[in-house]
PDB file of all heavy atoms in Angstrom:
ATOM      1  N   LEU A   1     -24.259 -32.130  -5.150  1.00  0.00           N
ATOM      2  CA  LEU A   1     -24.099 -32.609  -6.527  1.00  0.00           C
ATOM      3  C   LEU A   1     -24.910 -31.762  -7.500  1.00  0.00           C
ATOM      4  O   LEU A   1     -24.422 -31.386  -8.578  1.00  0.00           O
ATOM      5  CB  LEU A   1     -24.531 -34.074  -6.621  1.00  0.00           C
ATOM      6  CG  LEU A   1     -23.657 -35.100  -5.897  1.00  0.00           C
ATOM      7  CD1 LEU A   1     -24.262 -36.493  -6.047  1.00  0.00           C
ATOM      8  CD2 LEU A   1     -22.241 -35.091  -6.435  1.00  0.00           C
ATOM      9  N   PHE A   2     -26.136 -31.442  -7.124  1.00  0.00           N
ATOM     10  CA  PHE A   2     -26.998 -30.639  -7.988  1.00  0.00           C
ATOM     11  C   PHE A   2     -26.406 -29.250  -8.194  1.00  0.00           C
ATOM     12  O   PHE A   2     -26.446 -28.694  -9.299  1.00  0.00           O
ATOM     13  CB  PHE A   2     -28.393 -30.547  -7.373  1.00  0.00           C
ATOM     14  CG  PHE A   2     -29.404 -29.916  -8.292  1.00  0.00           C
ATOM     15  CD1 PHE A   2     -29.826 -30.569  -9.434  1.00  0.00           C
ATOM     16  CD2 PHE A   2     -29.929 -28.658  -8.003  1.00  0.00           C
ATOM     17  CE1 PHE A   2     -30.757 -29.989 -10.280  1.00  0.00           C
ATOM     18  CE2 PHE A   2     -30.859 -28.071  -8.843  1.00  0.00           C
ATOM     19  CZ  PHE A   2     -31.272 -28.731  -9.984  1.00  0.00           C
ATOM     20  N   TYR A   3     -25.839 -28.690  -7.122  1.00  0.00           N
ATOM     21  CA  TYR A   3     -25.232 -27.362  -7.230  1.00  0.00           C
ATOM     22  C   TYR A   3     -24.039 -27.382  -8.187  1.00  0.00           C
ATOM     23  O   TYR A   3     -23.878 -26.483  -9.020  1.00  0.00           O
ATOM     24  CB  TYR A   3     -24.779 -26.884  -5.846  1.00  0.00           C
ATOM     25  CG  TYR A   3     -24.011 -25.580  -5.882  1.00  0.00           C
ATOM     26  CD1 TYR A   3     -24.677 -24.368  -6.042  1.00  0.00           C
ATOM     27  CD2 TYR A   3     -22.626 -25.570  -5.770  1.00  0.00           C
ATOM     28  CE1 TYR A   3     -23.978 -23.172  -6.091  1.00  0.00           C
ATOM     29  CE2 TYR A   3     -21.925 -24.379  -5.821  1.00  0.00           C
ATOM     30  CZ  TYR A   3     -22.597 -23.181  -5.981  1.00  0.00           C
ATOM     31  OH  TYR A   3     -21.904 -22.014  -6.038  1.00  0.00           O
ATOM     32  N   LYS A   4     -23.210 -28.430  -8.090  1.00  0.00           N
ATOM     33  CA  LYS A   4     -22.048 -28.530  -8.984  1.00  0.00           C
ATOM     34  C   LYS A   4     -22.466 -28.657 -10.448  1.00  0.00           C
ATOM     35  O   LYS A   4     -21.800 -28.147 -11.347  1.00  0.00           O
ATOM     36  CB  LYS A   4     -21.192 -29.733  -8.578  1.00  0.00           C
ATOM     37  CG  LYS A   4     -20.484 -29.559  -7.247  1.00  0.00           C
ATOM     38  CD  LYS A   4     -19.709 -30.809  -6.879  1.00  0.00           C
ATOM     39  CE  LYS A   4     -19.033 -30.651  -5.521  1.00  0.00           C
ATOM     40  NZ  LYS A   4     -18.307 -31.873  -5.114  1.00  0.00           N
ATOM     41  N   LEU A   5     -23.570 -29.339 -10.690  1.00  0.00           N
ATOM     42  CA  LEU A   5     -24.037 -29.559 -12.063  1.00  0.00           C
ATOM     43  C   LEU A   5     -24.755 -28.344 -12.639  1.00  0.00           C
ATOM     44  O   LEU A   5     -24.608 -28.029 -13.819  1.00  0.00           O
ATOM     45  CB  LEU A   5     -24.977 -30.765 -12.099  1.00  0.00           C
ATOM     46  CG  LEU A   5     -24.349 -32.138 -11.837  1.00  0.00           C
ATOM     47  CD1 LEU A   5     -25.438 -33.191 -11.720  1.00  0.00           C
ATOM     48  CD2 LEU A   5     -23.375 -32.502 -12.946  1.00  0.00           C
ATOM     49  N   GLU A   6     -25.541 -27.657 -11.806  1.00  0.00           N
ATOM     50  CA  GLU A   6     -26.435 -26.630 -12.315  1.00  0.00           C
ATOM     51  C   GLU A   6     -25.958 -25.199 -12.101  1.00  0.00           C
ATOM     52  O   GLU A   6     -26.408 -24.293 -12.792  1.00  0.00           O
ATOM     53  CB  GLU A   6     -27.820 -26.787 -11.668  1.00  0.00           C
ATOM     54  CG  GLU A   6     -28.521 -28.092 -11.994  1.00  0.00           C
ATOM     55  CD  GLU A   6     -28.953 -28.175 -13.449  1.00  0.00           C
ATOM     56  OE1 GLU A   6     -29.178 -27.120 -14.067  1.00  0.00           O
ATOM     57  OE2 GLU A   6     -29.059 -29.295 -13.978  1.00  0.00           O
ATOM     58  N   SER A   7     -25.065 -24.982 -11.152  1.00  0.00           N
ATOM     59  CA  SER A   7     -24.707 -23.603 -10.800  1.00  0.00           C
ATOM     60  C   SER A   7     -24.025 -22.860 -11.942  1.00  0.00           C
ATOM     61  O   SER A   7     -24.028 -21.632 -11.979  1.00  0.00           O
ATOM     62  CB  SER A   7     -23.804 -23.589  -9.567  1.00  0.00           C
ATOM     63  OG  SER A   7     -22.602 -24.301  -9.833  1.00  0.00           O
ATOM     64  N   LYS A   8     -23.433 -23.619 -12.880  1.00  0.00           N
ATOM     65  CA  LYS A   8     -22.764 -22.964 -14.011  1.00  0.00           C
ATOM     66  C   LYS A   8     -23.770 -22.379 -14.997  1.00  0.00           C
ATOM     67  O   LYS A   8     -23.440 -21.504 -15.785  1.00  0.00           O
ATOM     68  CB  LYS A   8     -21.867 -23.973 -14.727  1.00  0.00           C
ATOM     69  CG  LYS A   8     -20.690 -24.448 -13.909  1.00  0.00           C
ATOM     70  CD  LYS A   8     -19.830 -25.417 -14.703  1.00  0.00           C
ATOM     71  CE  LYS A   8     -18.647 -25.900 -13.871  1.00  0.00           C
ATOM     72  NZ  LYS A   8     -17.803 -26.867 -14.616  1.00  0.00           N
ATOM     73  N   PHE A   9     -24.994 -22.865 -14.953  1.00  0.00           N
ATOM     74  CA  PHE A   9     -25.993 -22.444 -15.928  1.00  0.00           C
ATOM     75  C   PHE A   9     -27.004 -21.454 -15.370  1.00  0.00           C
ATOM     76  O   PHE A   9     -27.612 -20.689 -16.103  1.00  0.00           O
ATOM     77  CB  PHE A   9     -26.736 -23.679 -16.465  1.00  0.00           C
ATOM     78  CG  PHE A   9     -25.808 -24.727 -17.014  1.00  0.00           C
ATOM     79  CD1 PHE A   9     -25.508 -25.862 -16.286  1.00  0.00           C
ATOM     80  CD2 PHE A   9     -25.224 -24.572 -18.263  1.00  0.00           C
ATOM     81  CE1 PHE A   9     -24.650 -26.832 -16.785  1.00  0.00           C
ATOM     82  CE2 PHE A   9     -24.370 -25.525 -18.779  1.00  0.00           C
ATOM     83  CZ  PHE A   9     -24.072 -26.661 -18.038  1.00  0.00           C
ATOM     84  N   LYS A  10     -27.209 -21.473 -14.059  1.00  0.00           N
ATOM     85  CA  LYS A  10     -28.134 -20.523 -13.462  1.00  0.00           C
ATOM     86  C   LYS A  10     -27.729 -20.259 -12.013  1.00  0.00           C
ATOM     87  O   LYS A  10     -27.054 -21.067 -11.387  1.00  0.00           O
ATOM     88  CB  LYS A  10     -29.567 -21.043 -13.529  1.00  0.00           C
ATOM     89  CG  LYS A  10     -29.789 -22.381 -12.836  1.00  0.00           C
ATOM     90  CD  LYS A  10     -31.230 -22.835 -13.038  1.00  0.00           C
ATOM     91  CE  LYS A  10     -31.459 -24.196 -12.381  1.00  0.00           C
ATOM     92  NZ  LYS A  10     -32.844 -24.669 -12.562  1.00  0.00           N
ATOM     93  N   GLN A  11     -28.142 -19.120 -11.520  1.00  0.00           N
ATOM     94  CA  GLN A  11     -27.770 -18.737 -10.157  1.00  0.00           C
ATOM     95  C   GLN A  11     -28.511 -19.615  -9.152  1.00  0.00           C
ATOM     96  O   GLN A  11     -29.724 -19.732  -9.191  1.00  0.00           O
ATOM     97  CB  GLN A  11     -28.104 -17.262  -9.920  1.00  0.00           C
ATOM     98  CG  GLN A  11     -27.592 -16.736  -8.591  1.00  0.00           C
ATOM     99  CD  GLN A  11     -27.815 -15.256  -8.454  1.00  0.00           C
ATOM    100  OE1 GLN A  11     -28.433 -14.634  -9.307  1.00  0.00           O
ATOM    101  NE2 GLN A  11     -27.320 -14.678  -7.364  1.00  0.00           N
ATOM    102  N   MET A  12     -27.737 -20.236  -8.238  1.00  0.00           N
ATOM    103  CA  MET A  12     -28.319 -21.117  -7.233  1.00  0.00           C
ATOM    104  C   MET A  12     -27.672 -20.857  -5.883  1.00  0.00           C
ATOM    105  O   MET A  12     -26.503 -20.477  -5.819  1.00  0.00           O
ATOM    106  CB  MET A  12     -28.094 -22.593  -7.608  1.00  0.00           C
ATOM    107  CG  MET A  12     -28.806 -23.053  -8.855  1.00  0.00           C
ATOM    108  SD  MET A  12     -28.442 -24.778  -9.168  1.00  0.00           S
ATOM    109  CE  MET A  12     -29.151 -25.523  -7.704  1.00  0.00           C
ATOM    110  N   PRO A  13     -28.395 -21.033  -4.789  1.00  0.00           N
ATOM    111  CA  PRO A  13     -27.780 -20.915  -3.460  1.00  0.00           C
ATOM    112  C   PRO A  13     -26.758 -22.017  -3.251  1.00  0.00           C
ATOM    113  O   PRO A  13     -26.982 -23.165  -3.640  1.00  0.00           O
ATOM    114  CB  PRO A  13     -28.972 -21.051  -2.508  1.00  0.00           C
ATOM    115  CG  PRO A  13     -30.017 -21.780  -3.292  1.00  0.00           C
ATOM    116  CD  PRO A  13     -29.831 -21.348  -4.714  1.00  0.00           C
ATOM    117  N   ASN A  14     -25.640 -21.679  -2.634  1.00  0.00           N
ATOM    118  CA  ASN A  14     -24.526 -22.620  -2.462  1.00  0.00           C
ATOM    119  C   ASN A  14     -24.649 -23.351  -1.128  1.00  0.00           C
ATOM    120  O   ASN A  14     -24.518 -22.736  -0.071  1.00  0.00           O
ATOM    121  CB  ASN A  14     -23.203 -21.853  -2.523  1.00  0.00           C
ATOM    122  CG  ASN A  14     -22.002 -22.781  -2.497  1.00  0.00           C
ATOM    123  OD1 ASN A  14     -22.136 -23.989  -2.335  1.00  0.00           O
ATOM    124  ND2 ASN A  14     -20.827 -22.206  -2.659  1.00  0.00           N
ATOM    125  N   PRO A  15     -24.876 -24.680  -1.126  1.00  0.00           N
ATOM    126  CA  PRO A  15     -24.992 -25.429   0.139  1.00  0.00           C
ATOM    127  C   PRO A  15     -23.681 -25.538   0.898  1.00  0.00           C
ATOM    128  O   PRO A  15     -23.676 -25.874   2.078  1.00  0.00           O
ATOM    129  CB  PRO A  15     -25.493 -26.813  -0.315  1.00  0.00           C
ATOM    130  CG  PRO A  15     -25.058 -26.931  -1.733  1.00  0.00           C
ATOM    131  CD  PRO A  15     -25.105 -25.543  -2.297  1.00  0.00           C
ATOM    132  N   ASN A  16     -22.552 -25.245   0.229  1.00  0.00           N
ATOM    133  CA  ASN A  16     -21.257 -25.303   0.908  1.00  0.00           C
ATOM    134  C   ASN A  16     -21.143 -24.282   2.032  1.00  0.00           C
ATOM    135  O   ASN A  16     -20.320 -24.435   2.937  1.00  0.00           O
ATOM    136  CB  ASN A  16     -20.123 -25.065  -0.098  1.00  0.00           C
ATOM    137  CG  ASN A  16     -19.802 -26.292  -0.917  1.00  0.00           C
ATOM    138  OD1 ASN A  16     -19.323 -27.296  -0.398  1.00  0.00           O
ATOM    139  ND2 ASN A  16     -20.100 -26.233  -2.203  1.00  0.00           N
ATOM    140  N   THR A  17     -21.945 -23.232   1.978  1.00  0.00           N
ATOM    141  CA  THR A  17     -21.819 -22.148   2.957  1.00  0.00           C
ATOM    142  C   THR A  17     -22.543 -22.452   4.267  1.00  0.00           C
ATOM    143  O   THR A  17     -22.439 -21.673   5.219  1.00  0.00           O
ATOM    144  CB  THR A  17     -22.399 -20.845   2.372  1.00  0.00           C
ATOM    145  OG1 THR A  17     -23.801 -21.034   2.090  1.00  0.00           O
ATOM    146  CG2 THR A  17     -21.685 -20.458   1.088  1.00  0.00           C
ATOM    147  N   LEU A  18     -23.263 -23.570   4.345  1.00  0.00           N
ATOM    148  CA  LEU A  18     -24.054 -23.856   5.535  1.00  0.00           C
ATOM    149  C   LEU A  18     -23.203 -24.242   6.738  1.00  0.00           C
ATOM    150  O   LEU A  18     -23.591 -24.016   7.873  1.00  0.00           O
ATOM    151  CB  LEU A  18     -25.054 -24.988   5.261  1.00  0.00           C
ATOM    152  CG  LEU A  18     -26.119 -24.718   4.199  1.00  0.00           C
ATOM    153  CD1 LEU A  18     -27.095 -25.875   4.135  1.00  0.00           C
ATOM    154  CD2 LEU A  18     -26.853 -23.420   4.475  1.00  0.00           C
ATOM    155  N   ILE A  19     -22.041 -24.847   6.499  1.00  0.00           N
ATOM    156  CA  ILE A  19     -21.198 -25.325   7.602  1.00  0.00           C
ATOM    157  C   ILE A  19     -19.849 -24.615   7.557  1.00  0.00           C
ATOM    158  O   ILE A  19     -19.134 -24.690   6.554  1.00  0.00           O
ATOM    159  CB  ILE A  19     -20.983 -26.850   7.536  1.00  0.00           C
ATOM    160  CG1 ILE A  19     -22.322 -27.587   7.560  1.00  0.00           C
ATOM    161  CG2 ILE A  19     -20.106 -27.310   8.698  1.00  0.00           C
ATOM    162  CD1 ILE A  19     -22.191 -29.099   7.503  1.00  0.00           C
ATOM    163  N   GLN A  20     -19.504 -23.935   8.634  1.00  0.00           N
ATOM    164  CA  GLN A  20     -18.212 -23.266   8.775  1.00  0.00           C
ATOM    165  C   GLN A  20     -17.368 -24.016   9.802  1.00  0.00           C
ATOM    166  O   GLN A  20     -17.897 -24.743  10.656  1.00  0.00           O
ATOM    167  CB  GLN A  20     -18.413 -21.820   9.212  1.00  0.00           C
ATOM    168  CG  GLN A  20     -19.271 -20.997   8.267  1.00  0.00           C
ATOM    169  CD  GLN A  20     -18.672 -20.823   6.903  1.00  0.00           C
ATOM    170  OE1 GLN A  20     -17.452 -20.705   6.761  1.00  0.00           O
ATOM    171  NE2 GLN A  20     -19.508 -20.803   5.877  1.00  0.00           N
ATOM    172  N   THR A  21     -16.054 -23.819   9.737  1.00  0.00           N
ATOM    173  CA  THR A  21     -15.141 -24.545  10.628  1.00  0.00           C
ATOM    174  C   THR A  21     -14.127 -23.596  11.260  1.00  0.00           C
ATOM    175  O   THR A  21     -13.764 -22.575  10.675  1.00  0.00           O
ATOM    176  CB  THR A  21     -14.379 -25.638   9.853  1.00  0.00           C
ATOM    177  OG1 THR A  21     -13.716 -25.041   8.721  1.00  0.00           O
ATOM    178  CG2 THR A  21     -15.327 -26.726   9.360  1.00  0.00           C
ATOM    179  N   ALA A  22     -13.667 -23.976  12.447  1.00  0.00           N
ATOM    180  CA  ALA A  22     -12.670 -23.170  13.151  1.00  0.00           C
ATOM    181  C   ALA A  22     -11.899 -24.040  14.131  1.00  0.00           C
ATOM    182  O   ALA A  22     -12.372 -25.107  14.548  1.00  0.00           O
ATOM    183  CB  ALA A  22     -13.337 -22.009  13.884  1.00  0.00           C
ATOM    184  N   VAL A  23     -10.700 -23.577  14.503  1.00  0.00           N
ATOM    185  CA  VAL A  23      -9.895 -24.218  15.546  1.00  0.00           C
ATOM    186  C   VAL A  23      -9.548 -23.145  16.578  1.00  0.00           C
ATOM    187  O   VAL A  23      -9.105 -22.049  16.223  1.00  0.00           O
ATOM    188  CB  VAL A  23      -8.609 -24.851  14.985  1.00  0.00           C
ATOM    189  CG1 VAL A  23      -7.816 -25.507  16.121  1.00  0.00           C
ATOM    190  CG2 VAL A  23      -8.926 -25.863  13.901  1.00  0.00           C
ATOM    191  N   TYR A  24      -9.763 -23.473  17.841  1.00  0.00           N
ATOM    192  CA  TYR A  24      -9.464 -22.543  18.935  1.00  0.00           C
ATOM    193  C   TYR A  24      -8.287 -23.081  19.736  1.00  0.00           C
ATOM    194  O   TYR A  24      -8.318 -24.200  20.244  1.00  0.00           O
ATOM    195  CB  TYR A  24     -10.686 -22.381  19.841  1.00  0.00           C
ATOM    196  CG  TYR A  24     -10.403 -21.660  21.137  1.00  0.00           C
ATOM    197  CD1 TYR A  24      -9.996 -20.328  21.141  1.00  0.00           C
ATOM    198  CD2 TYR A  24     -10.531 -22.314  22.368  1.00  0.00           C
ATOM    199  CE1 TYR A  24      -9.729 -19.666  22.326  1.00  0.00           C
ATOM    200  CE2 TYR A  24     -10.267 -21.659  23.555  1.00  0.00           C
ATOM    201  CZ  TYR A  24      -9.867 -20.338  23.533  1.00  0.00           C
ATOM    202  OH  TYR A  24      -9.585 -19.685  24.701  1.00  0.00           O
ATOM    203  N   PHE A  25      -7.212 -22.271  19.843  1.00  0.00           N
ATOM    204  CA  PHE A  25      -6.021 -22.625  20.613  1.00  0.00           C
ATOM    205  C   PHE A  25      -6.039 -21.828  21.915  1.00  0.00           C
ATOM    206  O   PHE A  25      -5.849 -20.607  21.917  1.00  0.00           O
ATOM    207  CB  PHE A  25      -4.754 -22.319  19.813  1.00  0.00           C
ATOM    208  CG  PHE A  25      -4.602 -23.155  18.566  1.00  0.00           C
ATOM    209  CD1 PHE A  25      -5.127 -22.719  17.359  1.00  0.00           C
ATOM    210  CD2 PHE A  25      -3.945 -24.376  18.611  1.00  0.00           C
ATOM    211  CE1 PHE A  25      -4.993 -23.484  16.218  1.00  0.00           C
ATOM    212  CE2 PHE A  25      -3.802 -25.148  17.468  1.00  0.00           C
ATOM    213  CZ  PHE A  25      -4.331 -24.699  16.264  1.00  0.00           C
ATOM    214  N   HIS A  26      -6.240 -22.527  23.021  1.00  0.00           N
ATOM    215  CA  HIS A  26      -6.506 -21.856  24.291  1.00  0.00           C
ATOM    216  C   HIS A  26      -5.257 -21.243  24.925  1.00  0.00           C
ATOM    217  O   HIS A  26      -5.359 -20.288  25.692  1.00  0.00           O
ATOM    218  CB  HIS A  26      -7.130 -22.861  25.258  1.00  0.00           C
ATOM    219  CG  HIS A  26      -7.558 -22.263  26.571  1.00  0.00           C
ATOM    220  ND1 HIS A  26      -8.483 -21.243  26.657  1.00  0.00           N
ATOM    221  CD2 HIS A  26      -7.171 -22.541  27.858  1.00  0.00           C
ATOM    222  CE1 HIS A  26      -8.651 -20.923  27.920  1.00  0.00           C
ATOM    223  NE2 HIS A  26      -7.876 -21.673  28.663  1.00  0.00           N
ATOM    224  N   ARG A  27      -4.081 -21.756  24.610  1.00  0.00           N
ATOM    225  CA  ARG A  27      -2.868 -21.323  25.325  1.00  0.00           C
ATOM    226  C   ARG A  27      -2.072 -20.248  24.599  1.00  0.00           C
ATOM    227  O   ARG A  27      -0.983 -19.865  25.046  1.00  0.00           O
ATOM    228  CB  ARG A  27      -1.975 -22.538  25.606  1.00  0.00           C
ATOM    229  CG  ARG A  27      -2.657 -23.591  26.464  1.00  0.00           C
ATOM    230  CD  ARG A  27      -1.757 -24.750  26.780  1.00  0.00           C
ATOM    231  NE  ARG A  27      -0.614 -24.369  27.597  1.00  0.00           N
ATOM    232  CZ  ARG A  27       0.263 -25.233  28.105  1.00  0.00           C
ATOM    233  NH1 ARG A  27       0.091 -26.528  27.895  1.00  0.00           N
ATOM    234  NH2 ARG A  27       1.277 -24.813  28.828  1.00  0.00           N
ATOM    235  N   HIS A  28      -2.598 -19.758  23.475  1.00  0.00           N
ATOM    236  CA  HIS A  28      -1.858 -18.746  22.712  1.00  0.00           C
ATOM    237  C   HIS A  28      -2.802 -17.673  22.199  1.00  0.00           C
ATOM    238  O   HIS A  28      -4.005 -17.913  22.027  1.00  0.00           O
ATOM    239  CB  HIS A  28      -1.124 -19.403  21.539  1.00  0.00           C
ATOM    240  CG  HIS A  28      -0.131 -20.436  21.955  1.00  0.00           C
ATOM    241  ND1 HIS A  28       1.128 -20.128  22.429  1.00  0.00           N
ATOM    242  CD2 HIS A  28      -0.230 -21.790  21.999  1.00  0.00           C
ATOM    243  CE1 HIS A  28       1.771 -21.246  22.729  1.00  0.00           C
ATOM    244  NE2 HIS A  28       0.970 -22.265  22.482  1.00  0.00           N
ATOM    245  N   ASP A  29      -2.244 -16.480  21.920  1.00  0.00           N
ATOM    246  CA  ASP A  29      -3.068 -15.389  21.422  1.00  0.00           C
ATOM    247  C   ASP A  29      -3.102 -15.395  19.895  1.00  0.00           C
ATOM    248  O   ASP A  29      -2.418 -16.182  19.241  1.00  0.00           O
ATOM    249  CB  ASP A  29      -2.581 -14.033  21.967  1.00  0.00           C
ATOM    250  CG  ASP A  29      -1.142 -13.713  21.571  1.00  0.00           C
ATOM    251  OD1 ASP A  29      -0.660 -14.262  20.546  1.00  0.00           O
ATOM    252  OD2 ASP A  29      -0.499 -12.913  22.262  1.00  0.00           O
ATOM    253  N   GLN A  30      -3.885 -14.470  19.337  1.00  0.00           N
ATOM    254  CA  GLN A  30      -4.100 -14.426  17.885  1.00  0.00           C
ATOM    255  C   GLN A  30      -2.795 -14.214  17.119  1.00  0.00           C
ATOM    256  O   GLN A  30      -2.563 -14.833  16.085  1.00  0.00           O
ATOM    257  CB  GLN A  30      -5.063 -13.291  17.543  1.00  0.00           C
ATOM    258  CG  GLN A  30      -6.497 -13.518  17.971  1.00  0.00           C
ATOM    259  CD  GLN A  30      -7.191 -14.556  17.103  1.00  0.00           C
ATOM    260  OE1 GLN A  30      -7.639 -15.584  17.587  1.00  0.00           O
ATOM    261  NE2 GLN A  30      -7.259 -14.311  15.821  1.00  0.00           N
ATOM    262  N   SER A  31      -1.947 -13.325  17.621  1.00  0.00           N
ATOM    263  CA  SER A  31      -0.699 -13.011  16.935  1.00  0.00           C
ATOM    264  C   SER A  31       0.208 -14.238  16.843  1.00  0.00           C
ATOM    265  O   SER A  31       0.794 -14.520  15.791  1.00  0.00           O
ATOM    266  CB  SER A  31       0.020 -11.868  17.667  1.00  0.00           C
ATOM    267  OG  SER A  31       1.266 -11.599  17.052  1.00  0.00           O
ATOM    268  N   TYR A  32       0.316 -14.984  17.948  1.00  0.00           N
ATOM    269  CA  TYR A  32       1.163 -16.187  17.952  1.00  0.00           C
ATOM    270  C   TYR A  32       0.625 -17.222  16.969  1.00  0.00           C
ATOM    271  O   TYR A  32       1.388 -17.835  16.216  1.00  0.00           O
ATOM    272  CB  TYR A  32       1.222 -16.780  19.361  1.00  0.00           C
ATOM    273  CG  TYR A  32       2.189 -17.944  19.483  1.00  0.00           C
ATOM    274  CD1 TYR A  32       3.475 -17.737  19.978  1.00  0.00           C
ATOM    275  CD2 TYR A  32       1.817 -19.223  19.102  1.00  0.00           C
ATOM    276  CE1 TYR A  32       4.367 -18.785  20.076  1.00  0.00           C
ATOM    277  CE2 TYR A  32       2.702 -20.285  19.192  1.00  0.00           C
ATOM    278  CZ  TYR A  32       3.975 -20.058  19.681  1.00  0.00           C
ATOM    279  OH  TYR A  32       4.857 -21.110  19.775  1.00  0.00           O
ATOM    280  N   ILE A  33      -0.692 -17.418  16.970  1.00  0.00           N
ATOM    281  CA  ILE A  33      -1.305 -18.407  16.084  1.00  0.00           C
ATOM    282  C   ILE A  33      -1.048 -18.053  14.623  1.00  0.00           C
ATOM    283  O   ILE A  33      -0.681 -18.909  13.807  1.00  0.00           O
ATOM    284  CB  ILE A  33      -2.825 -18.497  16.342  1.00  0.00           C
ATOM    285  CG1 ILE A  33      -3.107 -18.933  17.777  1.00  0.00           C
ATOM    286  CG2 ILE A  33      -3.484 -19.464  15.357  1.00  0.00           C
ATOM    287  CD1 ILE A  33      -2.524 -20.251  18.156  1.00  0.00           C
ATOM    288  N   LYS A  34      -1.216 -16.778  14.282  1.00  0.00           N
ATOM    289  CA  LYS A  34      -1.010 -16.340  12.903  1.00  0.00           C
ATOM    290  C   LYS A  34       0.426 -16.586  12.460  1.00  0.00           C
ATOM    291  O   LYS A  34       0.676 -17.110  11.363  1.00  0.00           O
ATOM    292  CB  LYS A  34      -1.353 -14.859  12.774  1.00  0.00           C
ATOM    293  CG  LYS A  34      -1.192 -14.324  11.362  1.00  0.00           C
ATOM    294  CD  LYS A  34      -1.571 -12.852  11.283  1.00  0.00           C
ATOM    295  CE  LYS A  34      -1.375 -12.336   9.858  1.00  0.00           C
ATOM    296  NZ  LYS A  34      -1.739 -10.892   9.748  1.00  0.00           N
ATOM    297  N   ASN A  35       1.391 -16.234  13.320  1.00  0.00           N
ATOM    298  CA  ASN A  35       2.803 -16.426  12.972  1.00  0.00           C
ATOM    299  C   ASN A  35       3.171 -17.908  12.878  1.00  0.00           C
ATOM    300  O   ASN A  35       3.949 -18.308  12.017  1.00  0.00           O
ATOM    301  CB  ASN A  35       3.700 -15.728  14.005  1.00  0.00           C
ATOM    302  CG  ASN A  35       3.594 -14.221  13.943  1.00  0.00           C
ATOM    303  OD1 ASN A  35       3.294 -13.664  12.888  1.00  0.00           O
ATOM    304  ND2 ASN A  35       3.823 -13.557  15.060  1.00  0.00           N
ATOM    305  N   PHE A  36       2.614 -18.713  13.767  1.00  0.00           N
ATOM    306  CA  PHE A  36       2.944 -20.139  13.795  1.00  0.00           C
ATOM    307  C   PHE A  36       2.536 -20.825  12.497  1.00  0.00           C
ATOM    308  O   PHE A  36       3.262 -21.676  11.972  1.00  0.00           O
ATOM    309  CB  PHE A  36       2.250 -20.806  14.985  1.00  0.00           C
ATOM    310  CG  PHE A  36       2.594 -22.264  15.153  1.00  0.00           C
ATOM    311  CD1 PHE A  36       3.708 -22.642  15.898  1.00  0.00           C
ATOM    312  CD2 PHE A  36       1.824 -23.251  14.567  1.00  0.00           C
ATOM    313  CE1 PHE A  36       4.039 -23.987  16.046  1.00  0.00           C
ATOM    314  CE2 PHE A  36       2.141 -24.594  14.708  1.00  0.00           C
ATOM    315  CZ  PHE A  36       3.255 -24.962  15.451  1.00  0.00           C
ATOM    316  N   PHE A  37       1.372 -20.475  11.968  1.00  0.00           N
ATOM    317  CA  PHE A  37       0.850 -21.168  10.789  1.00  0.00           C
ATOM    318  C   PHE A  37       1.089 -20.397   9.484  1.00  0.00           C
ATOM    319  O   PHE A  37       0.481 -20.720   8.468  1.00  0.00           O
ATOM    320  CB  PHE A  37      -0.650 -21.424  10.959  1.00  0.00           C
ATOM    321  CG  PHE A  37      -0.964 -22.487  11.971  1.00  0.00           C
ATOM    322  CD1 PHE A  37      -1.434 -22.149  13.231  1.00  0.00           C
ATOM    323  CD2 PHE A  37      -0.777 -23.828  11.674  1.00  0.00           C
ATOM    324  CE1 PHE A  37      -1.721 -23.129  14.174  1.00  0.00           C
ATOM    325  CE2 PHE A  37      -1.060 -24.810  12.613  1.00  0.00           C
ATOM    326  CZ  PHE A  37      -1.537 -24.460  13.863  1.00  0.00           C
ATOM    327  N   THR A  38       1.970 -19.422   9.511  1.00  0.00           N
ATOM    328  CA  THR A  38       2.299 -18.671   8.297  1.00  0.00           C
ATOM    329  C   THR A  38       3.628 -19.150   7.723  1.00  0.00           C
ATOM    330  O   THR A  38       4.638 -19.202   8.435  1.00  0.00           O
ATOM    331  CB  THR A  38       2.384 -17.162   8.589  1.00  0.00           C
ATOM    332  OG1 THR A  38       1.101 -16.697   9.015  1.00  0.00           O
ATOM    333  CG2 THR A  38       2.791 -16.399   7.339  1.00  0.00           C
ATOM    334  N   ILE A  39       3.621 -19.510   6.456  1.00  0.00           N
ATOM    335  CA  ILE A  39       4.835 -19.937   5.748  1.00  0.00           C
ATOM    336  C   ILE A  39       4.923 -19.144   4.446  1.00  0.00           C
ATOM    337  O   ILE A  39       3.956 -19.079   3.685  1.00  0.00           O
ATOM    338  CB  ILE A  39       4.811 -21.449   5.453  1.00  0.00           C
ATOM    339  CG1 ILE A  39       4.967 -22.224   6.756  1.00  0.00           C
ATOM    340  CG2 ILE A  39       5.901 -21.831   4.471  1.00  0.00           C
ATOM    341  CD1 ILE A  39       4.948 -23.723   6.589  1.00  0.00           C
ATOM    342  N   GLN A  40       6.081 -18.555   4.222  1.00  0.00           N
ATOM    343  CA  GLN A  40       6.294 -17.743   3.035  1.00  0.00           C
ATOM    344  C   GLN A  40       7.292 -18.422   2.096  1.00  0.00           C
ATOM    345  O   GLN A  40       8.254 -19.041   2.532  1.00  0.00           O
ATOM    346  CB  GLN A  40       6.825 -16.360   3.424  1.00  0.00           C
ATOM    347  CG  GLN A  40       5.900 -15.552   4.314  1.00  0.00           C
ATOM    348  CD  GLN A  40       4.632 -15.123   3.599  1.00  0.00           C
ATOM    349  OE1 GLN A  40       4.587 -15.070   2.369  1.00  0.00           O
ATOM    350  NE2 GLN A  40       3.609 -14.818   4.366  1.00  0.00           N
ATOM    351  N   SER A  41       7.034 -18.288   0.798  1.00  0.00           N
ATOM    352  CA  SER A  41       7.945 -18.809  -0.219  1.00  0.00           C
ATOM    353  C   SER A  41       8.381 -17.665  -1.128  1.00  0.00           C
ATOM    354  O   SER A  41       7.602 -16.743  -1.404  1.00  0.00           O
ATOM    355  CB  SER A  41       7.257 -19.897  -1.051  1.00  0.00           C
ATOM    356  OG  SER A  41       8.068 -20.273  -2.148  1.00  0.00           O
ATOM    357  N   THR A  42       9.631 -17.717  -1.588  1.00  0.00           N
ATOM    358  CA  THR A  42      10.123 -16.689  -2.508  1.00  0.00           C
ATOM    359  C   THR A  42       9.575 -16.893  -3.917  1.00  0.00           C
ATOM    360  O   THR A  42       9.631 -15.988  -4.739  1.00  0.00           O
ATOM    361  CB  THR A  42      11.663 -16.711  -2.551  1.00  0.00           C
ATOM    362  OG1 THR A  42      12.097 -18.039  -2.899  1.00  0.00           O
ATOM    363  CG2 THR A  42      12.242 -16.339  -1.200  1.00  0.00           C
TER     364      THR A  42
END
């Protein structure tokens, strides 16, 4: 909350960067995963 209020006025470290997330799919390789979750619109 403090970061959202104050970061616009002065440089502050971002607490959002402390936690990262990932999903690991054991039965498929990187190429398959990328194609499976890619959707294109015209």
